[in-house]
Amino acid sequence: MKEISFYDIHPNHLHGYWVSKQGQFKLTALPNGHTLLEGTTWYVNKIKPDFYWTLWSDNIVHKIHNRVLEHIKTQAEL
């Protein structure tokens, strides 16, 4: 990824300070015949201050999960 700017900047998130390590989808059969789909992502956030940036990164990952899971739900129910 490359930052687009008129200035020579080097944001931490592009240099190993926020790294997605692994992701998975888990399917669980429910008693009513439906299926529960869960998404999980493991990542490392080294951007300081931790307490501030963890709030943002957790929120962003959560929104990405919701968007992906909603898309899968829409496609599965066609």
PDB file of N, CA and C in Angstrom:
ATOM      1  N   MET A   1       0.846  -1.163   0.000  1.00  0.00           N
ATOM      2  CA  MET A   1       0.000   0.000   0.000  1.00  0.00           C
ATOM      3  C   MET A   1       0.897   1.233   0.000  1.00  0.00           C
ATOM      4  N   LYS A   2       0.451   2.275  -0.676  1.00  0.00           N
ATOM      5  CA  LYS A   2       1.220   3.511  -0.740  1.00  0.00           C
ATOM      6  C   LYS A   2       0.313   4.674  -0.371  1.00  0.00           C
ATOM      7  N   GLU A   3       0.803   5.516   0.523  1.00  0.00           N
ATOM      8  CA  GLU A   3       0.066   6.707   0.940  1.00  0.00           C
ATOM      9  C   GLU A   3       0.120   7.732  -0.198  1.00  0.00           C
ATOM     10  N   ILE A   4      -1.024   8.302  -0.552  1.00  0.00           N
ATOM     11  CA  ILE A   4      -1.075   9.322  -1.593  1.00  0.00           C
ATOM     12  C   ILE A   4      -1.098  10.679  -0.916  1.00  0.00           C
ATOM     13  N   SER A   5      -0.062  11.478  -1.145  1.00  0.00           N
ATOM     14  CA  SER A   5       0.047  12.780  -0.503  1.00  0.00           C
ATOM     15  C   SER A   5       1.026  13.656  -1.276  1.00  0.00           C
ATOM     16  N   PHE A   6       0.906  14.950  -1.074  1.00  0.00           N
ATOM     17  CA  PHE A   6       1.858  15.892  -1.657  1.00  0.00           C
ATOM     18  C   PHE A   6       3.135  15.938  -0.827  1.00  0.00           C
ATOM     19  N   TYR A   7       3.118  15.335   0.351  1.00  0.00           N
ATOM     20  CA  TYR A   7       4.240  15.366   1.273  1.00  0.00           C
ATOM     21  C   TYR A   7       4.842  13.966   1.406  1.00  0.00           C
ATOM     22  N   ASP A   8       6.090  13.908   1.811  1.00  0.00           N
ATOM     23  CA  ASP A   8       6.771  12.632   2.019  1.00  0.00           C
ATOM     24  C   ASP A   8       6.464  12.157   3.440  1.00  0.00           C
ATOM     25  N   ILE A   9       5.347  11.445   3.592  1.00  0.00           N
ATOM     26  CA  ILE A   9       4.959  10.967   4.912  1.00  0.00           C
ATOM     27  C   ILE A   9       5.048   9.443   4.961  1.00  0.00           C
ATOM     28  N   HIS A  10       5.225   8.926   6.156  1.00  0.00           N
ATOM     29  CA  HIS A  10       5.376   7.481   6.349  1.00  0.00           C
ATOM     30  C   HIS A  10       4.490   7.043   7.514  1.00  0.00           C
ATOM     31  N   PRO A  11       3.187   6.860   7.259  1.00  0.00           N
ATOM     32  CA  PRO A  11       2.281   6.480   8.347  1.00  0.00           C
ATOM     33  C   PRO A  11       2.581   5.079   8.879  1.00  0.00           C
ATOM     34  N   ASN A  12       2.497   4.936  10.200  1.00  0.00           N
ATOM     35  CA  ASN A  12       2.843   3.671  10.848  1.00  0.00           C
ATOM     36  C   ASN A  12       2.026   2.492  10.342  1.00  0.00           C
ATOM     37  N   HIS A  13       0.739   2.712  10.039  1.00  0.00           N
ATOM     38  CA  HIS A  13      -0.104   1.584   9.641  1.00  0.00           C
ATOM     39  C   HIS A  13       0.345   0.940   8.332  1.00  0.00           C
ATOM     40  N   LEU A  14       1.238   1.595   7.595  1.00  0.00           N
ATOM     41  CA  LEU A  14       1.750   1.012   6.358  1.00  0.00           C
ATOM     42  C   LEU A  14       3.109   0.325   6.555  1.00  0.00           C
ATOM     43  N   HIS A  15       3.601   0.307   7.778  1.00  0.00           N
ATOM     44  CA  HIS A  15       4.947  -0.219   8.023  1.00  0.00           C
ATOM     45  C   HIS A  15       4.977  -1.213   9.181  1.00  0.00           C
ATOM     46  N   GLY A  16       4.032  -2.145   9.210  1.00  0.00           N
ATOM     47  CA  GLY A  16       4.062  -3.223  10.182  1.00  0.00           C
ATOM     48  C   GLY A  16       3.496  -2.903  11.551  1.00  0.00           C
ATOM     49  N   TYR A  17       2.901  -1.740  11.727  1.00  0.00           N
ATOM     50  CA  TYR A  17       2.349  -1.387  13.031  1.00  0.00           C
ATOM     51  C   TYR A  17       0.912  -1.865  13.197  1.00  0.00           C
ATOM     52  N   TRP A  18       0.256  -2.186  12.112  1.00  0.00           N
ATOM     53  CA  TRP A  18      -1.079  -2.805  12.154  1.00  0.00           C
ATOM     54  C   TRP A  18      -1.037  -3.931  11.135  1.00  0.00           C
ATOM     55  N   VAL A  19      -1.039  -5.174  11.648  1.00  0.00           N
ATOM     56  CA  VAL A  19      -0.858  -6.333  10.783  1.00  0.00           C
ATOM     57  C   VAL A  19      -1.972  -7.342  11.033  1.00  0.00           C
ATOM     58  N   SER A  20      -2.679  -7.694   9.976  1.00  0.00           N
ATOM     59  CA  SER A  20      -3.670  -8.762  10.066  1.00  0.00           C
ATOM     60  C   SER A  20      -2.934 -10.087   9.975  1.00  0.00           C
ATOM     61  N   LYS A  21      -3.056 -10.918  11.015  1.00  0.00           N
ATOM     62  CA  LYS A  21      -2.319 -12.172  11.088  1.00  0.00           C
ATOM     63  C   LYS A  21      -3.090 -13.347  10.490  1.00  0.00           C
ATOM     64  N   GLN A  22      -4.392 -13.412  10.786  1.00  0.00           N
ATOM     65  CA  GLN A  22      -5.164 -14.585  10.372  1.00  0.00           C
ATOM     66  C   GLN A  22      -6.642 -14.244  10.434  1.00  0.00           C
ATOM     67  N   GLY A  23      -7.425 -14.931   9.625  1.00  0.00           N
ATOM     68  CA  GLY A  23      -8.869 -14.785   9.675  1.00  0.00           C
ATOM     69  C   GLY A  23      -9.527 -16.126   9.447  1.00  0.00           C
ATOM     70  N   GLN A  24     -10.750 -16.273   9.950  1.00  0.00           N
ATOM     71  CA  GLN A  24     -11.461 -17.534   9.739  1.00  0.00           C
ATOM     72  C   GLN A  24     -12.964 -17.299   9.757  1.00  0.00           C
ATOM     73  N   PHE A  25     -13.658 -18.205   9.110  1.00  0.00           N
ATOM     74  CA  PHE A  25     -15.109 -18.291   9.206  1.00  0.00           C
ATOM     75  C   PHE A  25     -15.428 -19.602   9.903  1.00  0.00           C
ATOM     76  N   LYS A  26     -16.377 -19.579  10.812  1.00  0.00           N
ATOM     77  CA  LYS A  26     -16.786 -20.779  11.538  1.00  0.00           C
ATOM     78  C   LYS A  26     -18.282 -20.985  11.323  1.00  0.00           C
ATOM     79  N   LEU A  27     -18.659 -22.175  10.870  1.00  0.00           N
ATOM     80  CA  LEU A  27     -20.057 -22.539  10.660  1.00  0.00           C
ATOM     81  C   LEU A  27     -20.500 -23.476  11.781  1.00  0.00           C
ATOM     82  N   THR A  28     -21.632 -23.149  12.392  1.00  0.00           N
ATOM     83  CA  THR A  28     -22.184 -23.978  13.462  1.00  0.00           C
ATOM     84  C   THR A  28     -23.642 -24.292  13.145  1.00  0.00           C
ATOM     85  N   ALA A  29     -23.970 -25.590  13.115  1.00  0.00           N
ATOM     86  CA  ALA A  29     -25.363 -26.006  12.876  1.00  0.00           C
ATOM     87  C   ALA A  29     -26.193 -25.667  14.115  1.00  0.00           C
ATOM     88  N   LEU A  30     -27.359 -25.070  13.890  1.00  0.00           N
ATOM     89  CA  LEU A  30     -28.272 -24.723  14.978  1.00  0.00           C
ATOM     90  C   LEU A  30     -29.409 -25.744  15.042  1.00  0.00           C
ATOM     91  N   PRO A  31     -30.011 -25.924  16.221  1.00  0.00           N
ATOM     92  CA  PRO A  31     -31.077 -26.911  16.390  1.00  0.00           C
ATOM     93  C   PRO A  31     -32.279 -26.691  15.460  1.00  0.00           C
ATOM     94  N   ASN A  32     -32.526 -25.442  15.071  1.00  0.00           N
ATOM     95  CA  ASN A  32     -33.684 -25.147  14.224  1.00  0.00           C
ATOM     96  C   ASN A  32     -33.410 -25.365  12.733  1.00  0.00           C
ATOM     97  N   GLY A  33     -32.262 -25.955  12.409  1.00  0.00           N
ATOM     98  CA  GLY A  33     -31.931 -26.213  11.007  1.00  0.00           C
ATOM     99  C   GLY A  33     -31.182 -25.076  10.340  1.00  0.00           C
ATOM    100  N   HIS A  34     -31.034 -23.961  11.016  1.00  0.00           N
ATOM    101  CA  HIS A  34     -30.274 -22.834  10.474  1.00  0.00           C
ATOM    102  C   HIS A  34     -28.790 -23.042  10.763  1.00  0.00           C
ATOM    103  N   THR A  35     -27.973 -22.142  10.236  1.00  0.00           N
ATOM    104  CA  THR A  35     -26.529 -22.209  10.440  1.00  0.00           C
ATOM    105  C   THR A  35     -26.041 -20.864  10.957  1.00  0.00           C
ATOM    106  N   LEU A  36     -25.221 -20.906  12.004  1.00  0.00           N
ATOM    107  CA  LEU A  36     -24.587 -19.703  12.536  1.00  0.00           C
ATOM    108  C   LEU A  36     -23.238 -19.546  11.857  1.00  0.00           C
ATOM    109  N   LEU A  37     -22.970 -18.367  11.302  1.00  0.00           N
ATOM    110  CA  LEU A  37     -21.698 -18.066  10.654  1.00  0.00           C
ATOM    111  C   LEU A  37     -20.995 -17.001  11.480  1.00  0.00           C
ATOM    112  N   GLU A  38     -19.786 -17.316  11.937  1.00  0.00           N
ATOM    113  CA  GLU A  38     -18.990 -16.369  12.720  1.00  0.00           C
ATOM    114  C   GLU A  38     -17.689 -16.071  11.992  1.00  0.00           C
ATOM    115  N   GLY A  39     -17.283 -14.809  12.014  1.00  0.00           N
ATOM    116  CA  GLY A  39     -16.009 -14.404  11.431  1.00  0.00           C
ATOM    117  C   GLY A  39     -15.086 -13.904  12.527  1.00  0.00           C
ATOM    118  N   THR A  40     -13.824 -14.295  12.451  1.00  0.00           N
ATOM    119  CA  THR A  40     -12.839 -13.861  13.437  1.00  0.00           C
ATOM    120  C   THR A  40     -11.579 -13.418  12.707  1.00  0.00           C
ATOM    121  N   THR A  41     -10.973 -12.348  13.206  1.00  0.00           N
ATOM    122  CA  THR A  41      -9.710 -11.863  12.665  1.00  0.00           C
ATOM    123  C   THR A  41      -8.745 -11.643  13.816  1.00  0.00           C
ATOM    124  N   TRP A  42      -7.514 -12.139  13.652  1.00  0.00           N
ATOM    125  CA  TRP A  42      -6.467 -11.881  14.625  1.00  0.00           C
ATOM    126  C   TRP A  42      -5.513 -10.871  14.008  1.00  0.00           C
ATOM    127  N   TYR A  43      -5.223  -9.828  14.771  1.00  0.00           N
ATOM    128  CA  TYR A  43      -4.308  -8.808  14.259  1.00  0.00           C
ATOM    129  C   TYR A  43      -3.459  -8.237  15.383  1.00  0.00           C
ATOM    130  N   VAL A  44      -2.377  -7.591  14.979  1.00  0.00           N
ATOM    131  CA  VAL A  44      -1.464  -6.939  15.915  1.00  0.00           C
ATOM    132  C   VAL A  44      -1.523  -5.447  15.634  1.00  0.00           C
ATOM    133  N   ASN A  45      -1.717  -4.676  16.697  1.00  0.00           N
ATOM    134  CA  ASN A  45      -1.778  -3.218  16.592  1.00  0.00           C
ATOM    135  C   ASN A  45      -0.669  -2.642  17.474  1.00  0.00           C
ATOM    136  N   LYS A  46       0.341  -2.047  16.836  1.00  0.00           N
ATOM    137  CA  LYS A  46       1.459  -1.455  17.587  1.00  0.00           C
ATOM    138  C   LYS A  46       1.440   0.070  17.527  1.00  0.00           C
ATOM    139  N   ILE A  47       0.334   0.650  17.078  1.00  0.00           N
ATOM    140  CA  ILE A  47       0.247   2.105  16.980  1.00  0.00           C
ATOM    141  C   ILE A  47      -0.058   2.659  18.369  1.00  0.00           C
ATOM    142  N   LYS A  48       0.667   3.658  18.783  1.00  0.00           N
ATOM    143  CA  LYS A  48       0.522   4.251  20.110  1.00  0.00           C
ATOM    144  C   LYS A  48      -0.313   5.525  20.036  1.00  0.00           C
ATOM    145  N   PRO A  49      -1.053   5.858  21.043  1.00  0.00           N
ATOM    146  CA  PRO A  49      -1.264   5.128  22.292  1.00  0.00           C
ATOM    147  C   PRO A  49      -2.239   3.961  22.085  1.00  0.00           C
ATOM    148  N   ASP A  50      -1.902   2.825  22.669  1.00  0.00           N
ATOM    149  CA  ASP A  50      -2.660   1.583  22.493  1.00  0.00           C
ATOM    150  C   ASP A  50      -4.149   1.748  22.763  1.00  0.00           C
ATOM    151  N   PHE A  51      -4.486   2.313  23.924  1.00  0.00           N
ATOM    152  CA  PHE A  51      -5.893   2.382  24.316  1.00  0.00           C
ATOM    153  C   PHE A  51      -6.727   3.153  23.294  1.00  0.00           C
ATOM    154  N   TYR A  52      -6.143   4.163  22.671  1.00  0.00           N
ATOM    155  CA  TYR A  52      -6.865   4.975  21.691  1.00  0.00           C
ATOM    156  C   TYR A  52      -7.024   4.221  20.370  1.00  0.00           C
ATOM    157  N   TRP A  53      -5.910   3.720  19.834  1.00  0.00           N
ATOM    158  CA  TRP A  53      -5.951   3.091  18.516  1.00  0.00           C
ATOM    159  C   TRP A  53      -6.615   1.729  18.529  1.00  0.00           C
ATOM    160  N   THR A  54      -6.612   1.040  19.668  1.00  0.00           N
ATOM    161  CA  THR A  54      -7.314  -0.234  19.764  1.00  0.00           C
ATOM    162  C   THR A  54      -8.818  -0.019  19.635  1.00  0.00           C
ATOM    163  N   LEU A  55      -9.324   1.060  20.216  1.00  0.00           N
ATOM    164  CA  LEU A  55     -10.753   1.382  20.058  1.00  0.00           C
ATOM    165  C   LEU A  55     -11.112   1.523  18.581  1.00  0.00           C
ATOM    166  N   TRP A  56     -10.286   2.262  17.854  1.00  0.00           N
ATOM    167  CA  TRP A  56     -10.552   2.485  16.430  1.00  0.00           C
ATOM    168  C   TRP A  56     -10.395   1.212  15.617  1.00  0.00           C
ATOM    169  N   SER A  57      -9.302   0.494  15.814  1.00  0.00           N
ATOM    170  CA  SER A  57      -9.056  -0.699  14.994  1.00  0.00           C
ATOM    171  C   SER A  57     -10.090  -1.784  15.283  1.00  0.00           C
ATOM    172  N   ASP A  58     -10.464  -1.986  16.548  1.00  0.00           N
ATOM    173  CA  ASP A  58     -11.502  -2.964  16.861  1.00  0.00           C
ATOM    174  C   ASP A  58     -12.819  -2.592  16.189  1.00  0.00           C
ATOM    175  N   ASN A  59     -13.144  -1.307  16.204  1.00  0.00           N
ATOM    176  CA  ASN A  59     -14.383  -0.844  15.580  1.00  0.00           C
ATOM    177  C   ASN A  59     -14.358  -1.058  14.066  1.00  0.00           C
ATOM    178  N   ILE A  60     -13.242  -0.760  13.442  1.00  0.00           N
ATOM    179  CA  ILE A  60     -13.110  -0.926  11.989  1.00  0.00           C
ATOM    180  C   ILE A  60     -13.212  -2.402  11.603  1.00  0.00           C
ATOM    181  N   VAL A  61     -12.515  -3.281  12.329  1.00  0.00           N
ATOM    182  CA  VAL A  61     -12.573  -4.707  12.033  1.00  0.00           C
ATOM    183  C   VAL A  61     -13.991  -5.230  12.228  1.00  0.00           C
ATOM    184  N   HIS A  62     -14.656  -4.777  13.281  1.00  0.00           N
ATOM    185  CA  HIS A  62     -16.038  -5.186  13.537  1.00  0.00           C
ATOM    186  C   HIS A  62     -16.951  -4.778  12.375  1.00  0.00           C
ATOM    187  N   LYS A  63     -16.789  -3.558  11.864  1.00  0.00           N
ATOM    188  CA  LYS A  63     -17.609  -3.096  10.741  1.00  0.00           C
ATOM    189  C   LYS A  63     -17.322  -3.898   9.470  1.00  0.00           C
ATOM    190  N   ILE A  64     -16.057  -4.248   9.248  1.00  0.00           N
ATOM    191  CA  ILE A  64     -15.708  -5.069   8.090  1.00  0.00           C
ATOM    192  C   ILE A  64     -16.365  -6.437   8.215  1.00  0.00           C
ATOM    193  N   HIS A  65     -16.287  -7.040   9.402  1.00  0.00           N
ATOM    194  CA  HIS A  65     -16.933  -8.341   9.626  1.00  0.00           C
ATOM    195  C   HIS A  65     -18.426  -8.258   9.332  1.00  0.00           C
ATOM    196  N   ASN A  66     -19.084  -7.256   9.889  1.00  0.00           N
ATOM    197  CA  ASN A  66     -20.529  -7.118   9.665  1.00  0.00           C
ATOM    198  C   ASN A  66     -20.863  -6.990   8.188  1.00  0.00           C
ATOM    199  N   ARG A  67     -20.073  -6.200   7.479  1.00  0.00           N
ATOM    200  CA  ARG A  67     -20.335  -6.005   6.048  1.00  0.00           C
ATOM    201  C   ARG A  67     -20.168  -7.315   5.274  1.00  0.00           C
ATOM    202  N   VAL A  68     -19.090  -8.052   5.562  1.00  0.00           N
ATOM    203  CA  VAL A  68     -18.844  -9.315   4.872  1.00  0.00           C
ATOM    204  C   VAL A  68     -19.923 -10.335   5.221  1.00  0.00           C
ATOM    205  N   LEU A  69     -20.249 -10.461   6.519  1.00  0.00           N
ATOM    206  CA  LEU A  69     -21.243 -11.443   6.944  1.00  0.00           C
ATOM    207  C   LEU A  69     -22.630 -11.109   6.389  1.00  0.00           C
ATOM    208  N   GLU A  70     -22.987  -9.837   6.331  1.00  0.00           N
ATOM    209  CA  GLU A  70     -24.271  -9.444   5.738  1.00  0.00           C
ATOM    210  C   GLU A  70     -24.314  -9.790   4.254  1.00  0.00           C
ATOM    211  N   HIS A  71     -23.192  -9.596   3.560  1.00  0.00           N
ATOM    212  CA  HIS A  71     -23.128  -9.938   2.132  1.00  0.00           C
ATOM    213  C   HIS A  71     -23.304 -11.447   1.945  1.00  0.00           C
ATOM    214  N   ILE A  72     -22.602 -12.233   2.774  1.00  0.00           N
ATOM    215  CA  ILE A  72     -22.743 -13.691   2.681  1.00  0.00           C
ATOM    216  C   ILE A  72     -24.185 -14.091   2.966  1.00  0.00           C
ATOM    217  N   LYS A  73     -24.797 -13.484   3.967  1.00  0.00           N
ATOM    218  CA  LYS A  73     -26.193 -13.794   4.308  1.00  0.00           C
ATOM    219  C   LYS A  73     -27.107 -13.496   3.134  1.00  0.00           C
ATOM    220  N   THR A  74     -26.926 -12.345   2.517  1.00  0.00           N
ATOM    221  CA  THR A  74     -27.754 -11.962   1.368  1.00  0.00           C
ATOM    222  C   THR A  74     -27.604 -12.969   0.238  1.00  0.00           C
ATOM    223  N   GLN A  75     -26.375 -13.369  -0.056  1.00  0.00           N
ATOM    224  CA  GLN A  75     -26.129 -14.319  -1.143  1.00  0.00           C
ATOM    225  C   GLN A  75     -26.685 -15.704  -0.807  1.00  0.00           C
ATOM    226  N   ALA A  76     -26.576 -16.118   0.443  1.00  0.00           N
ATOM    227  CA  ALA A  76     -27.035 -17.445   0.845  1.00  0.00           C
ATOM    228  C   ALA A  76     -28.553 -17.556   0.836  1.00  0.00           C
ATOM    229  N   GLU A  77     -29.240 -16.438   1.025  1.00  0.00           N
ATOM    230  CA  GLU A  77     -30.704 -16.465   1.099  1.00  0.00           C
ATOM    231  C   GLU A  77     -31.368 -16.249  -0.242  1.00  0.00           C
ATOM    232  N   LEU A  78     -30.593 -16.126  -1.307  1.00  0.00           N
ATOM    233  CA  LEU A  78     -31.191 -15.941  -2.650  1.00  0.00           C
ATOM    234  C   LEU A  78     -31.934 -17.180  -3.098  1.00  0.00           C
TER     235      LEU A  78
END
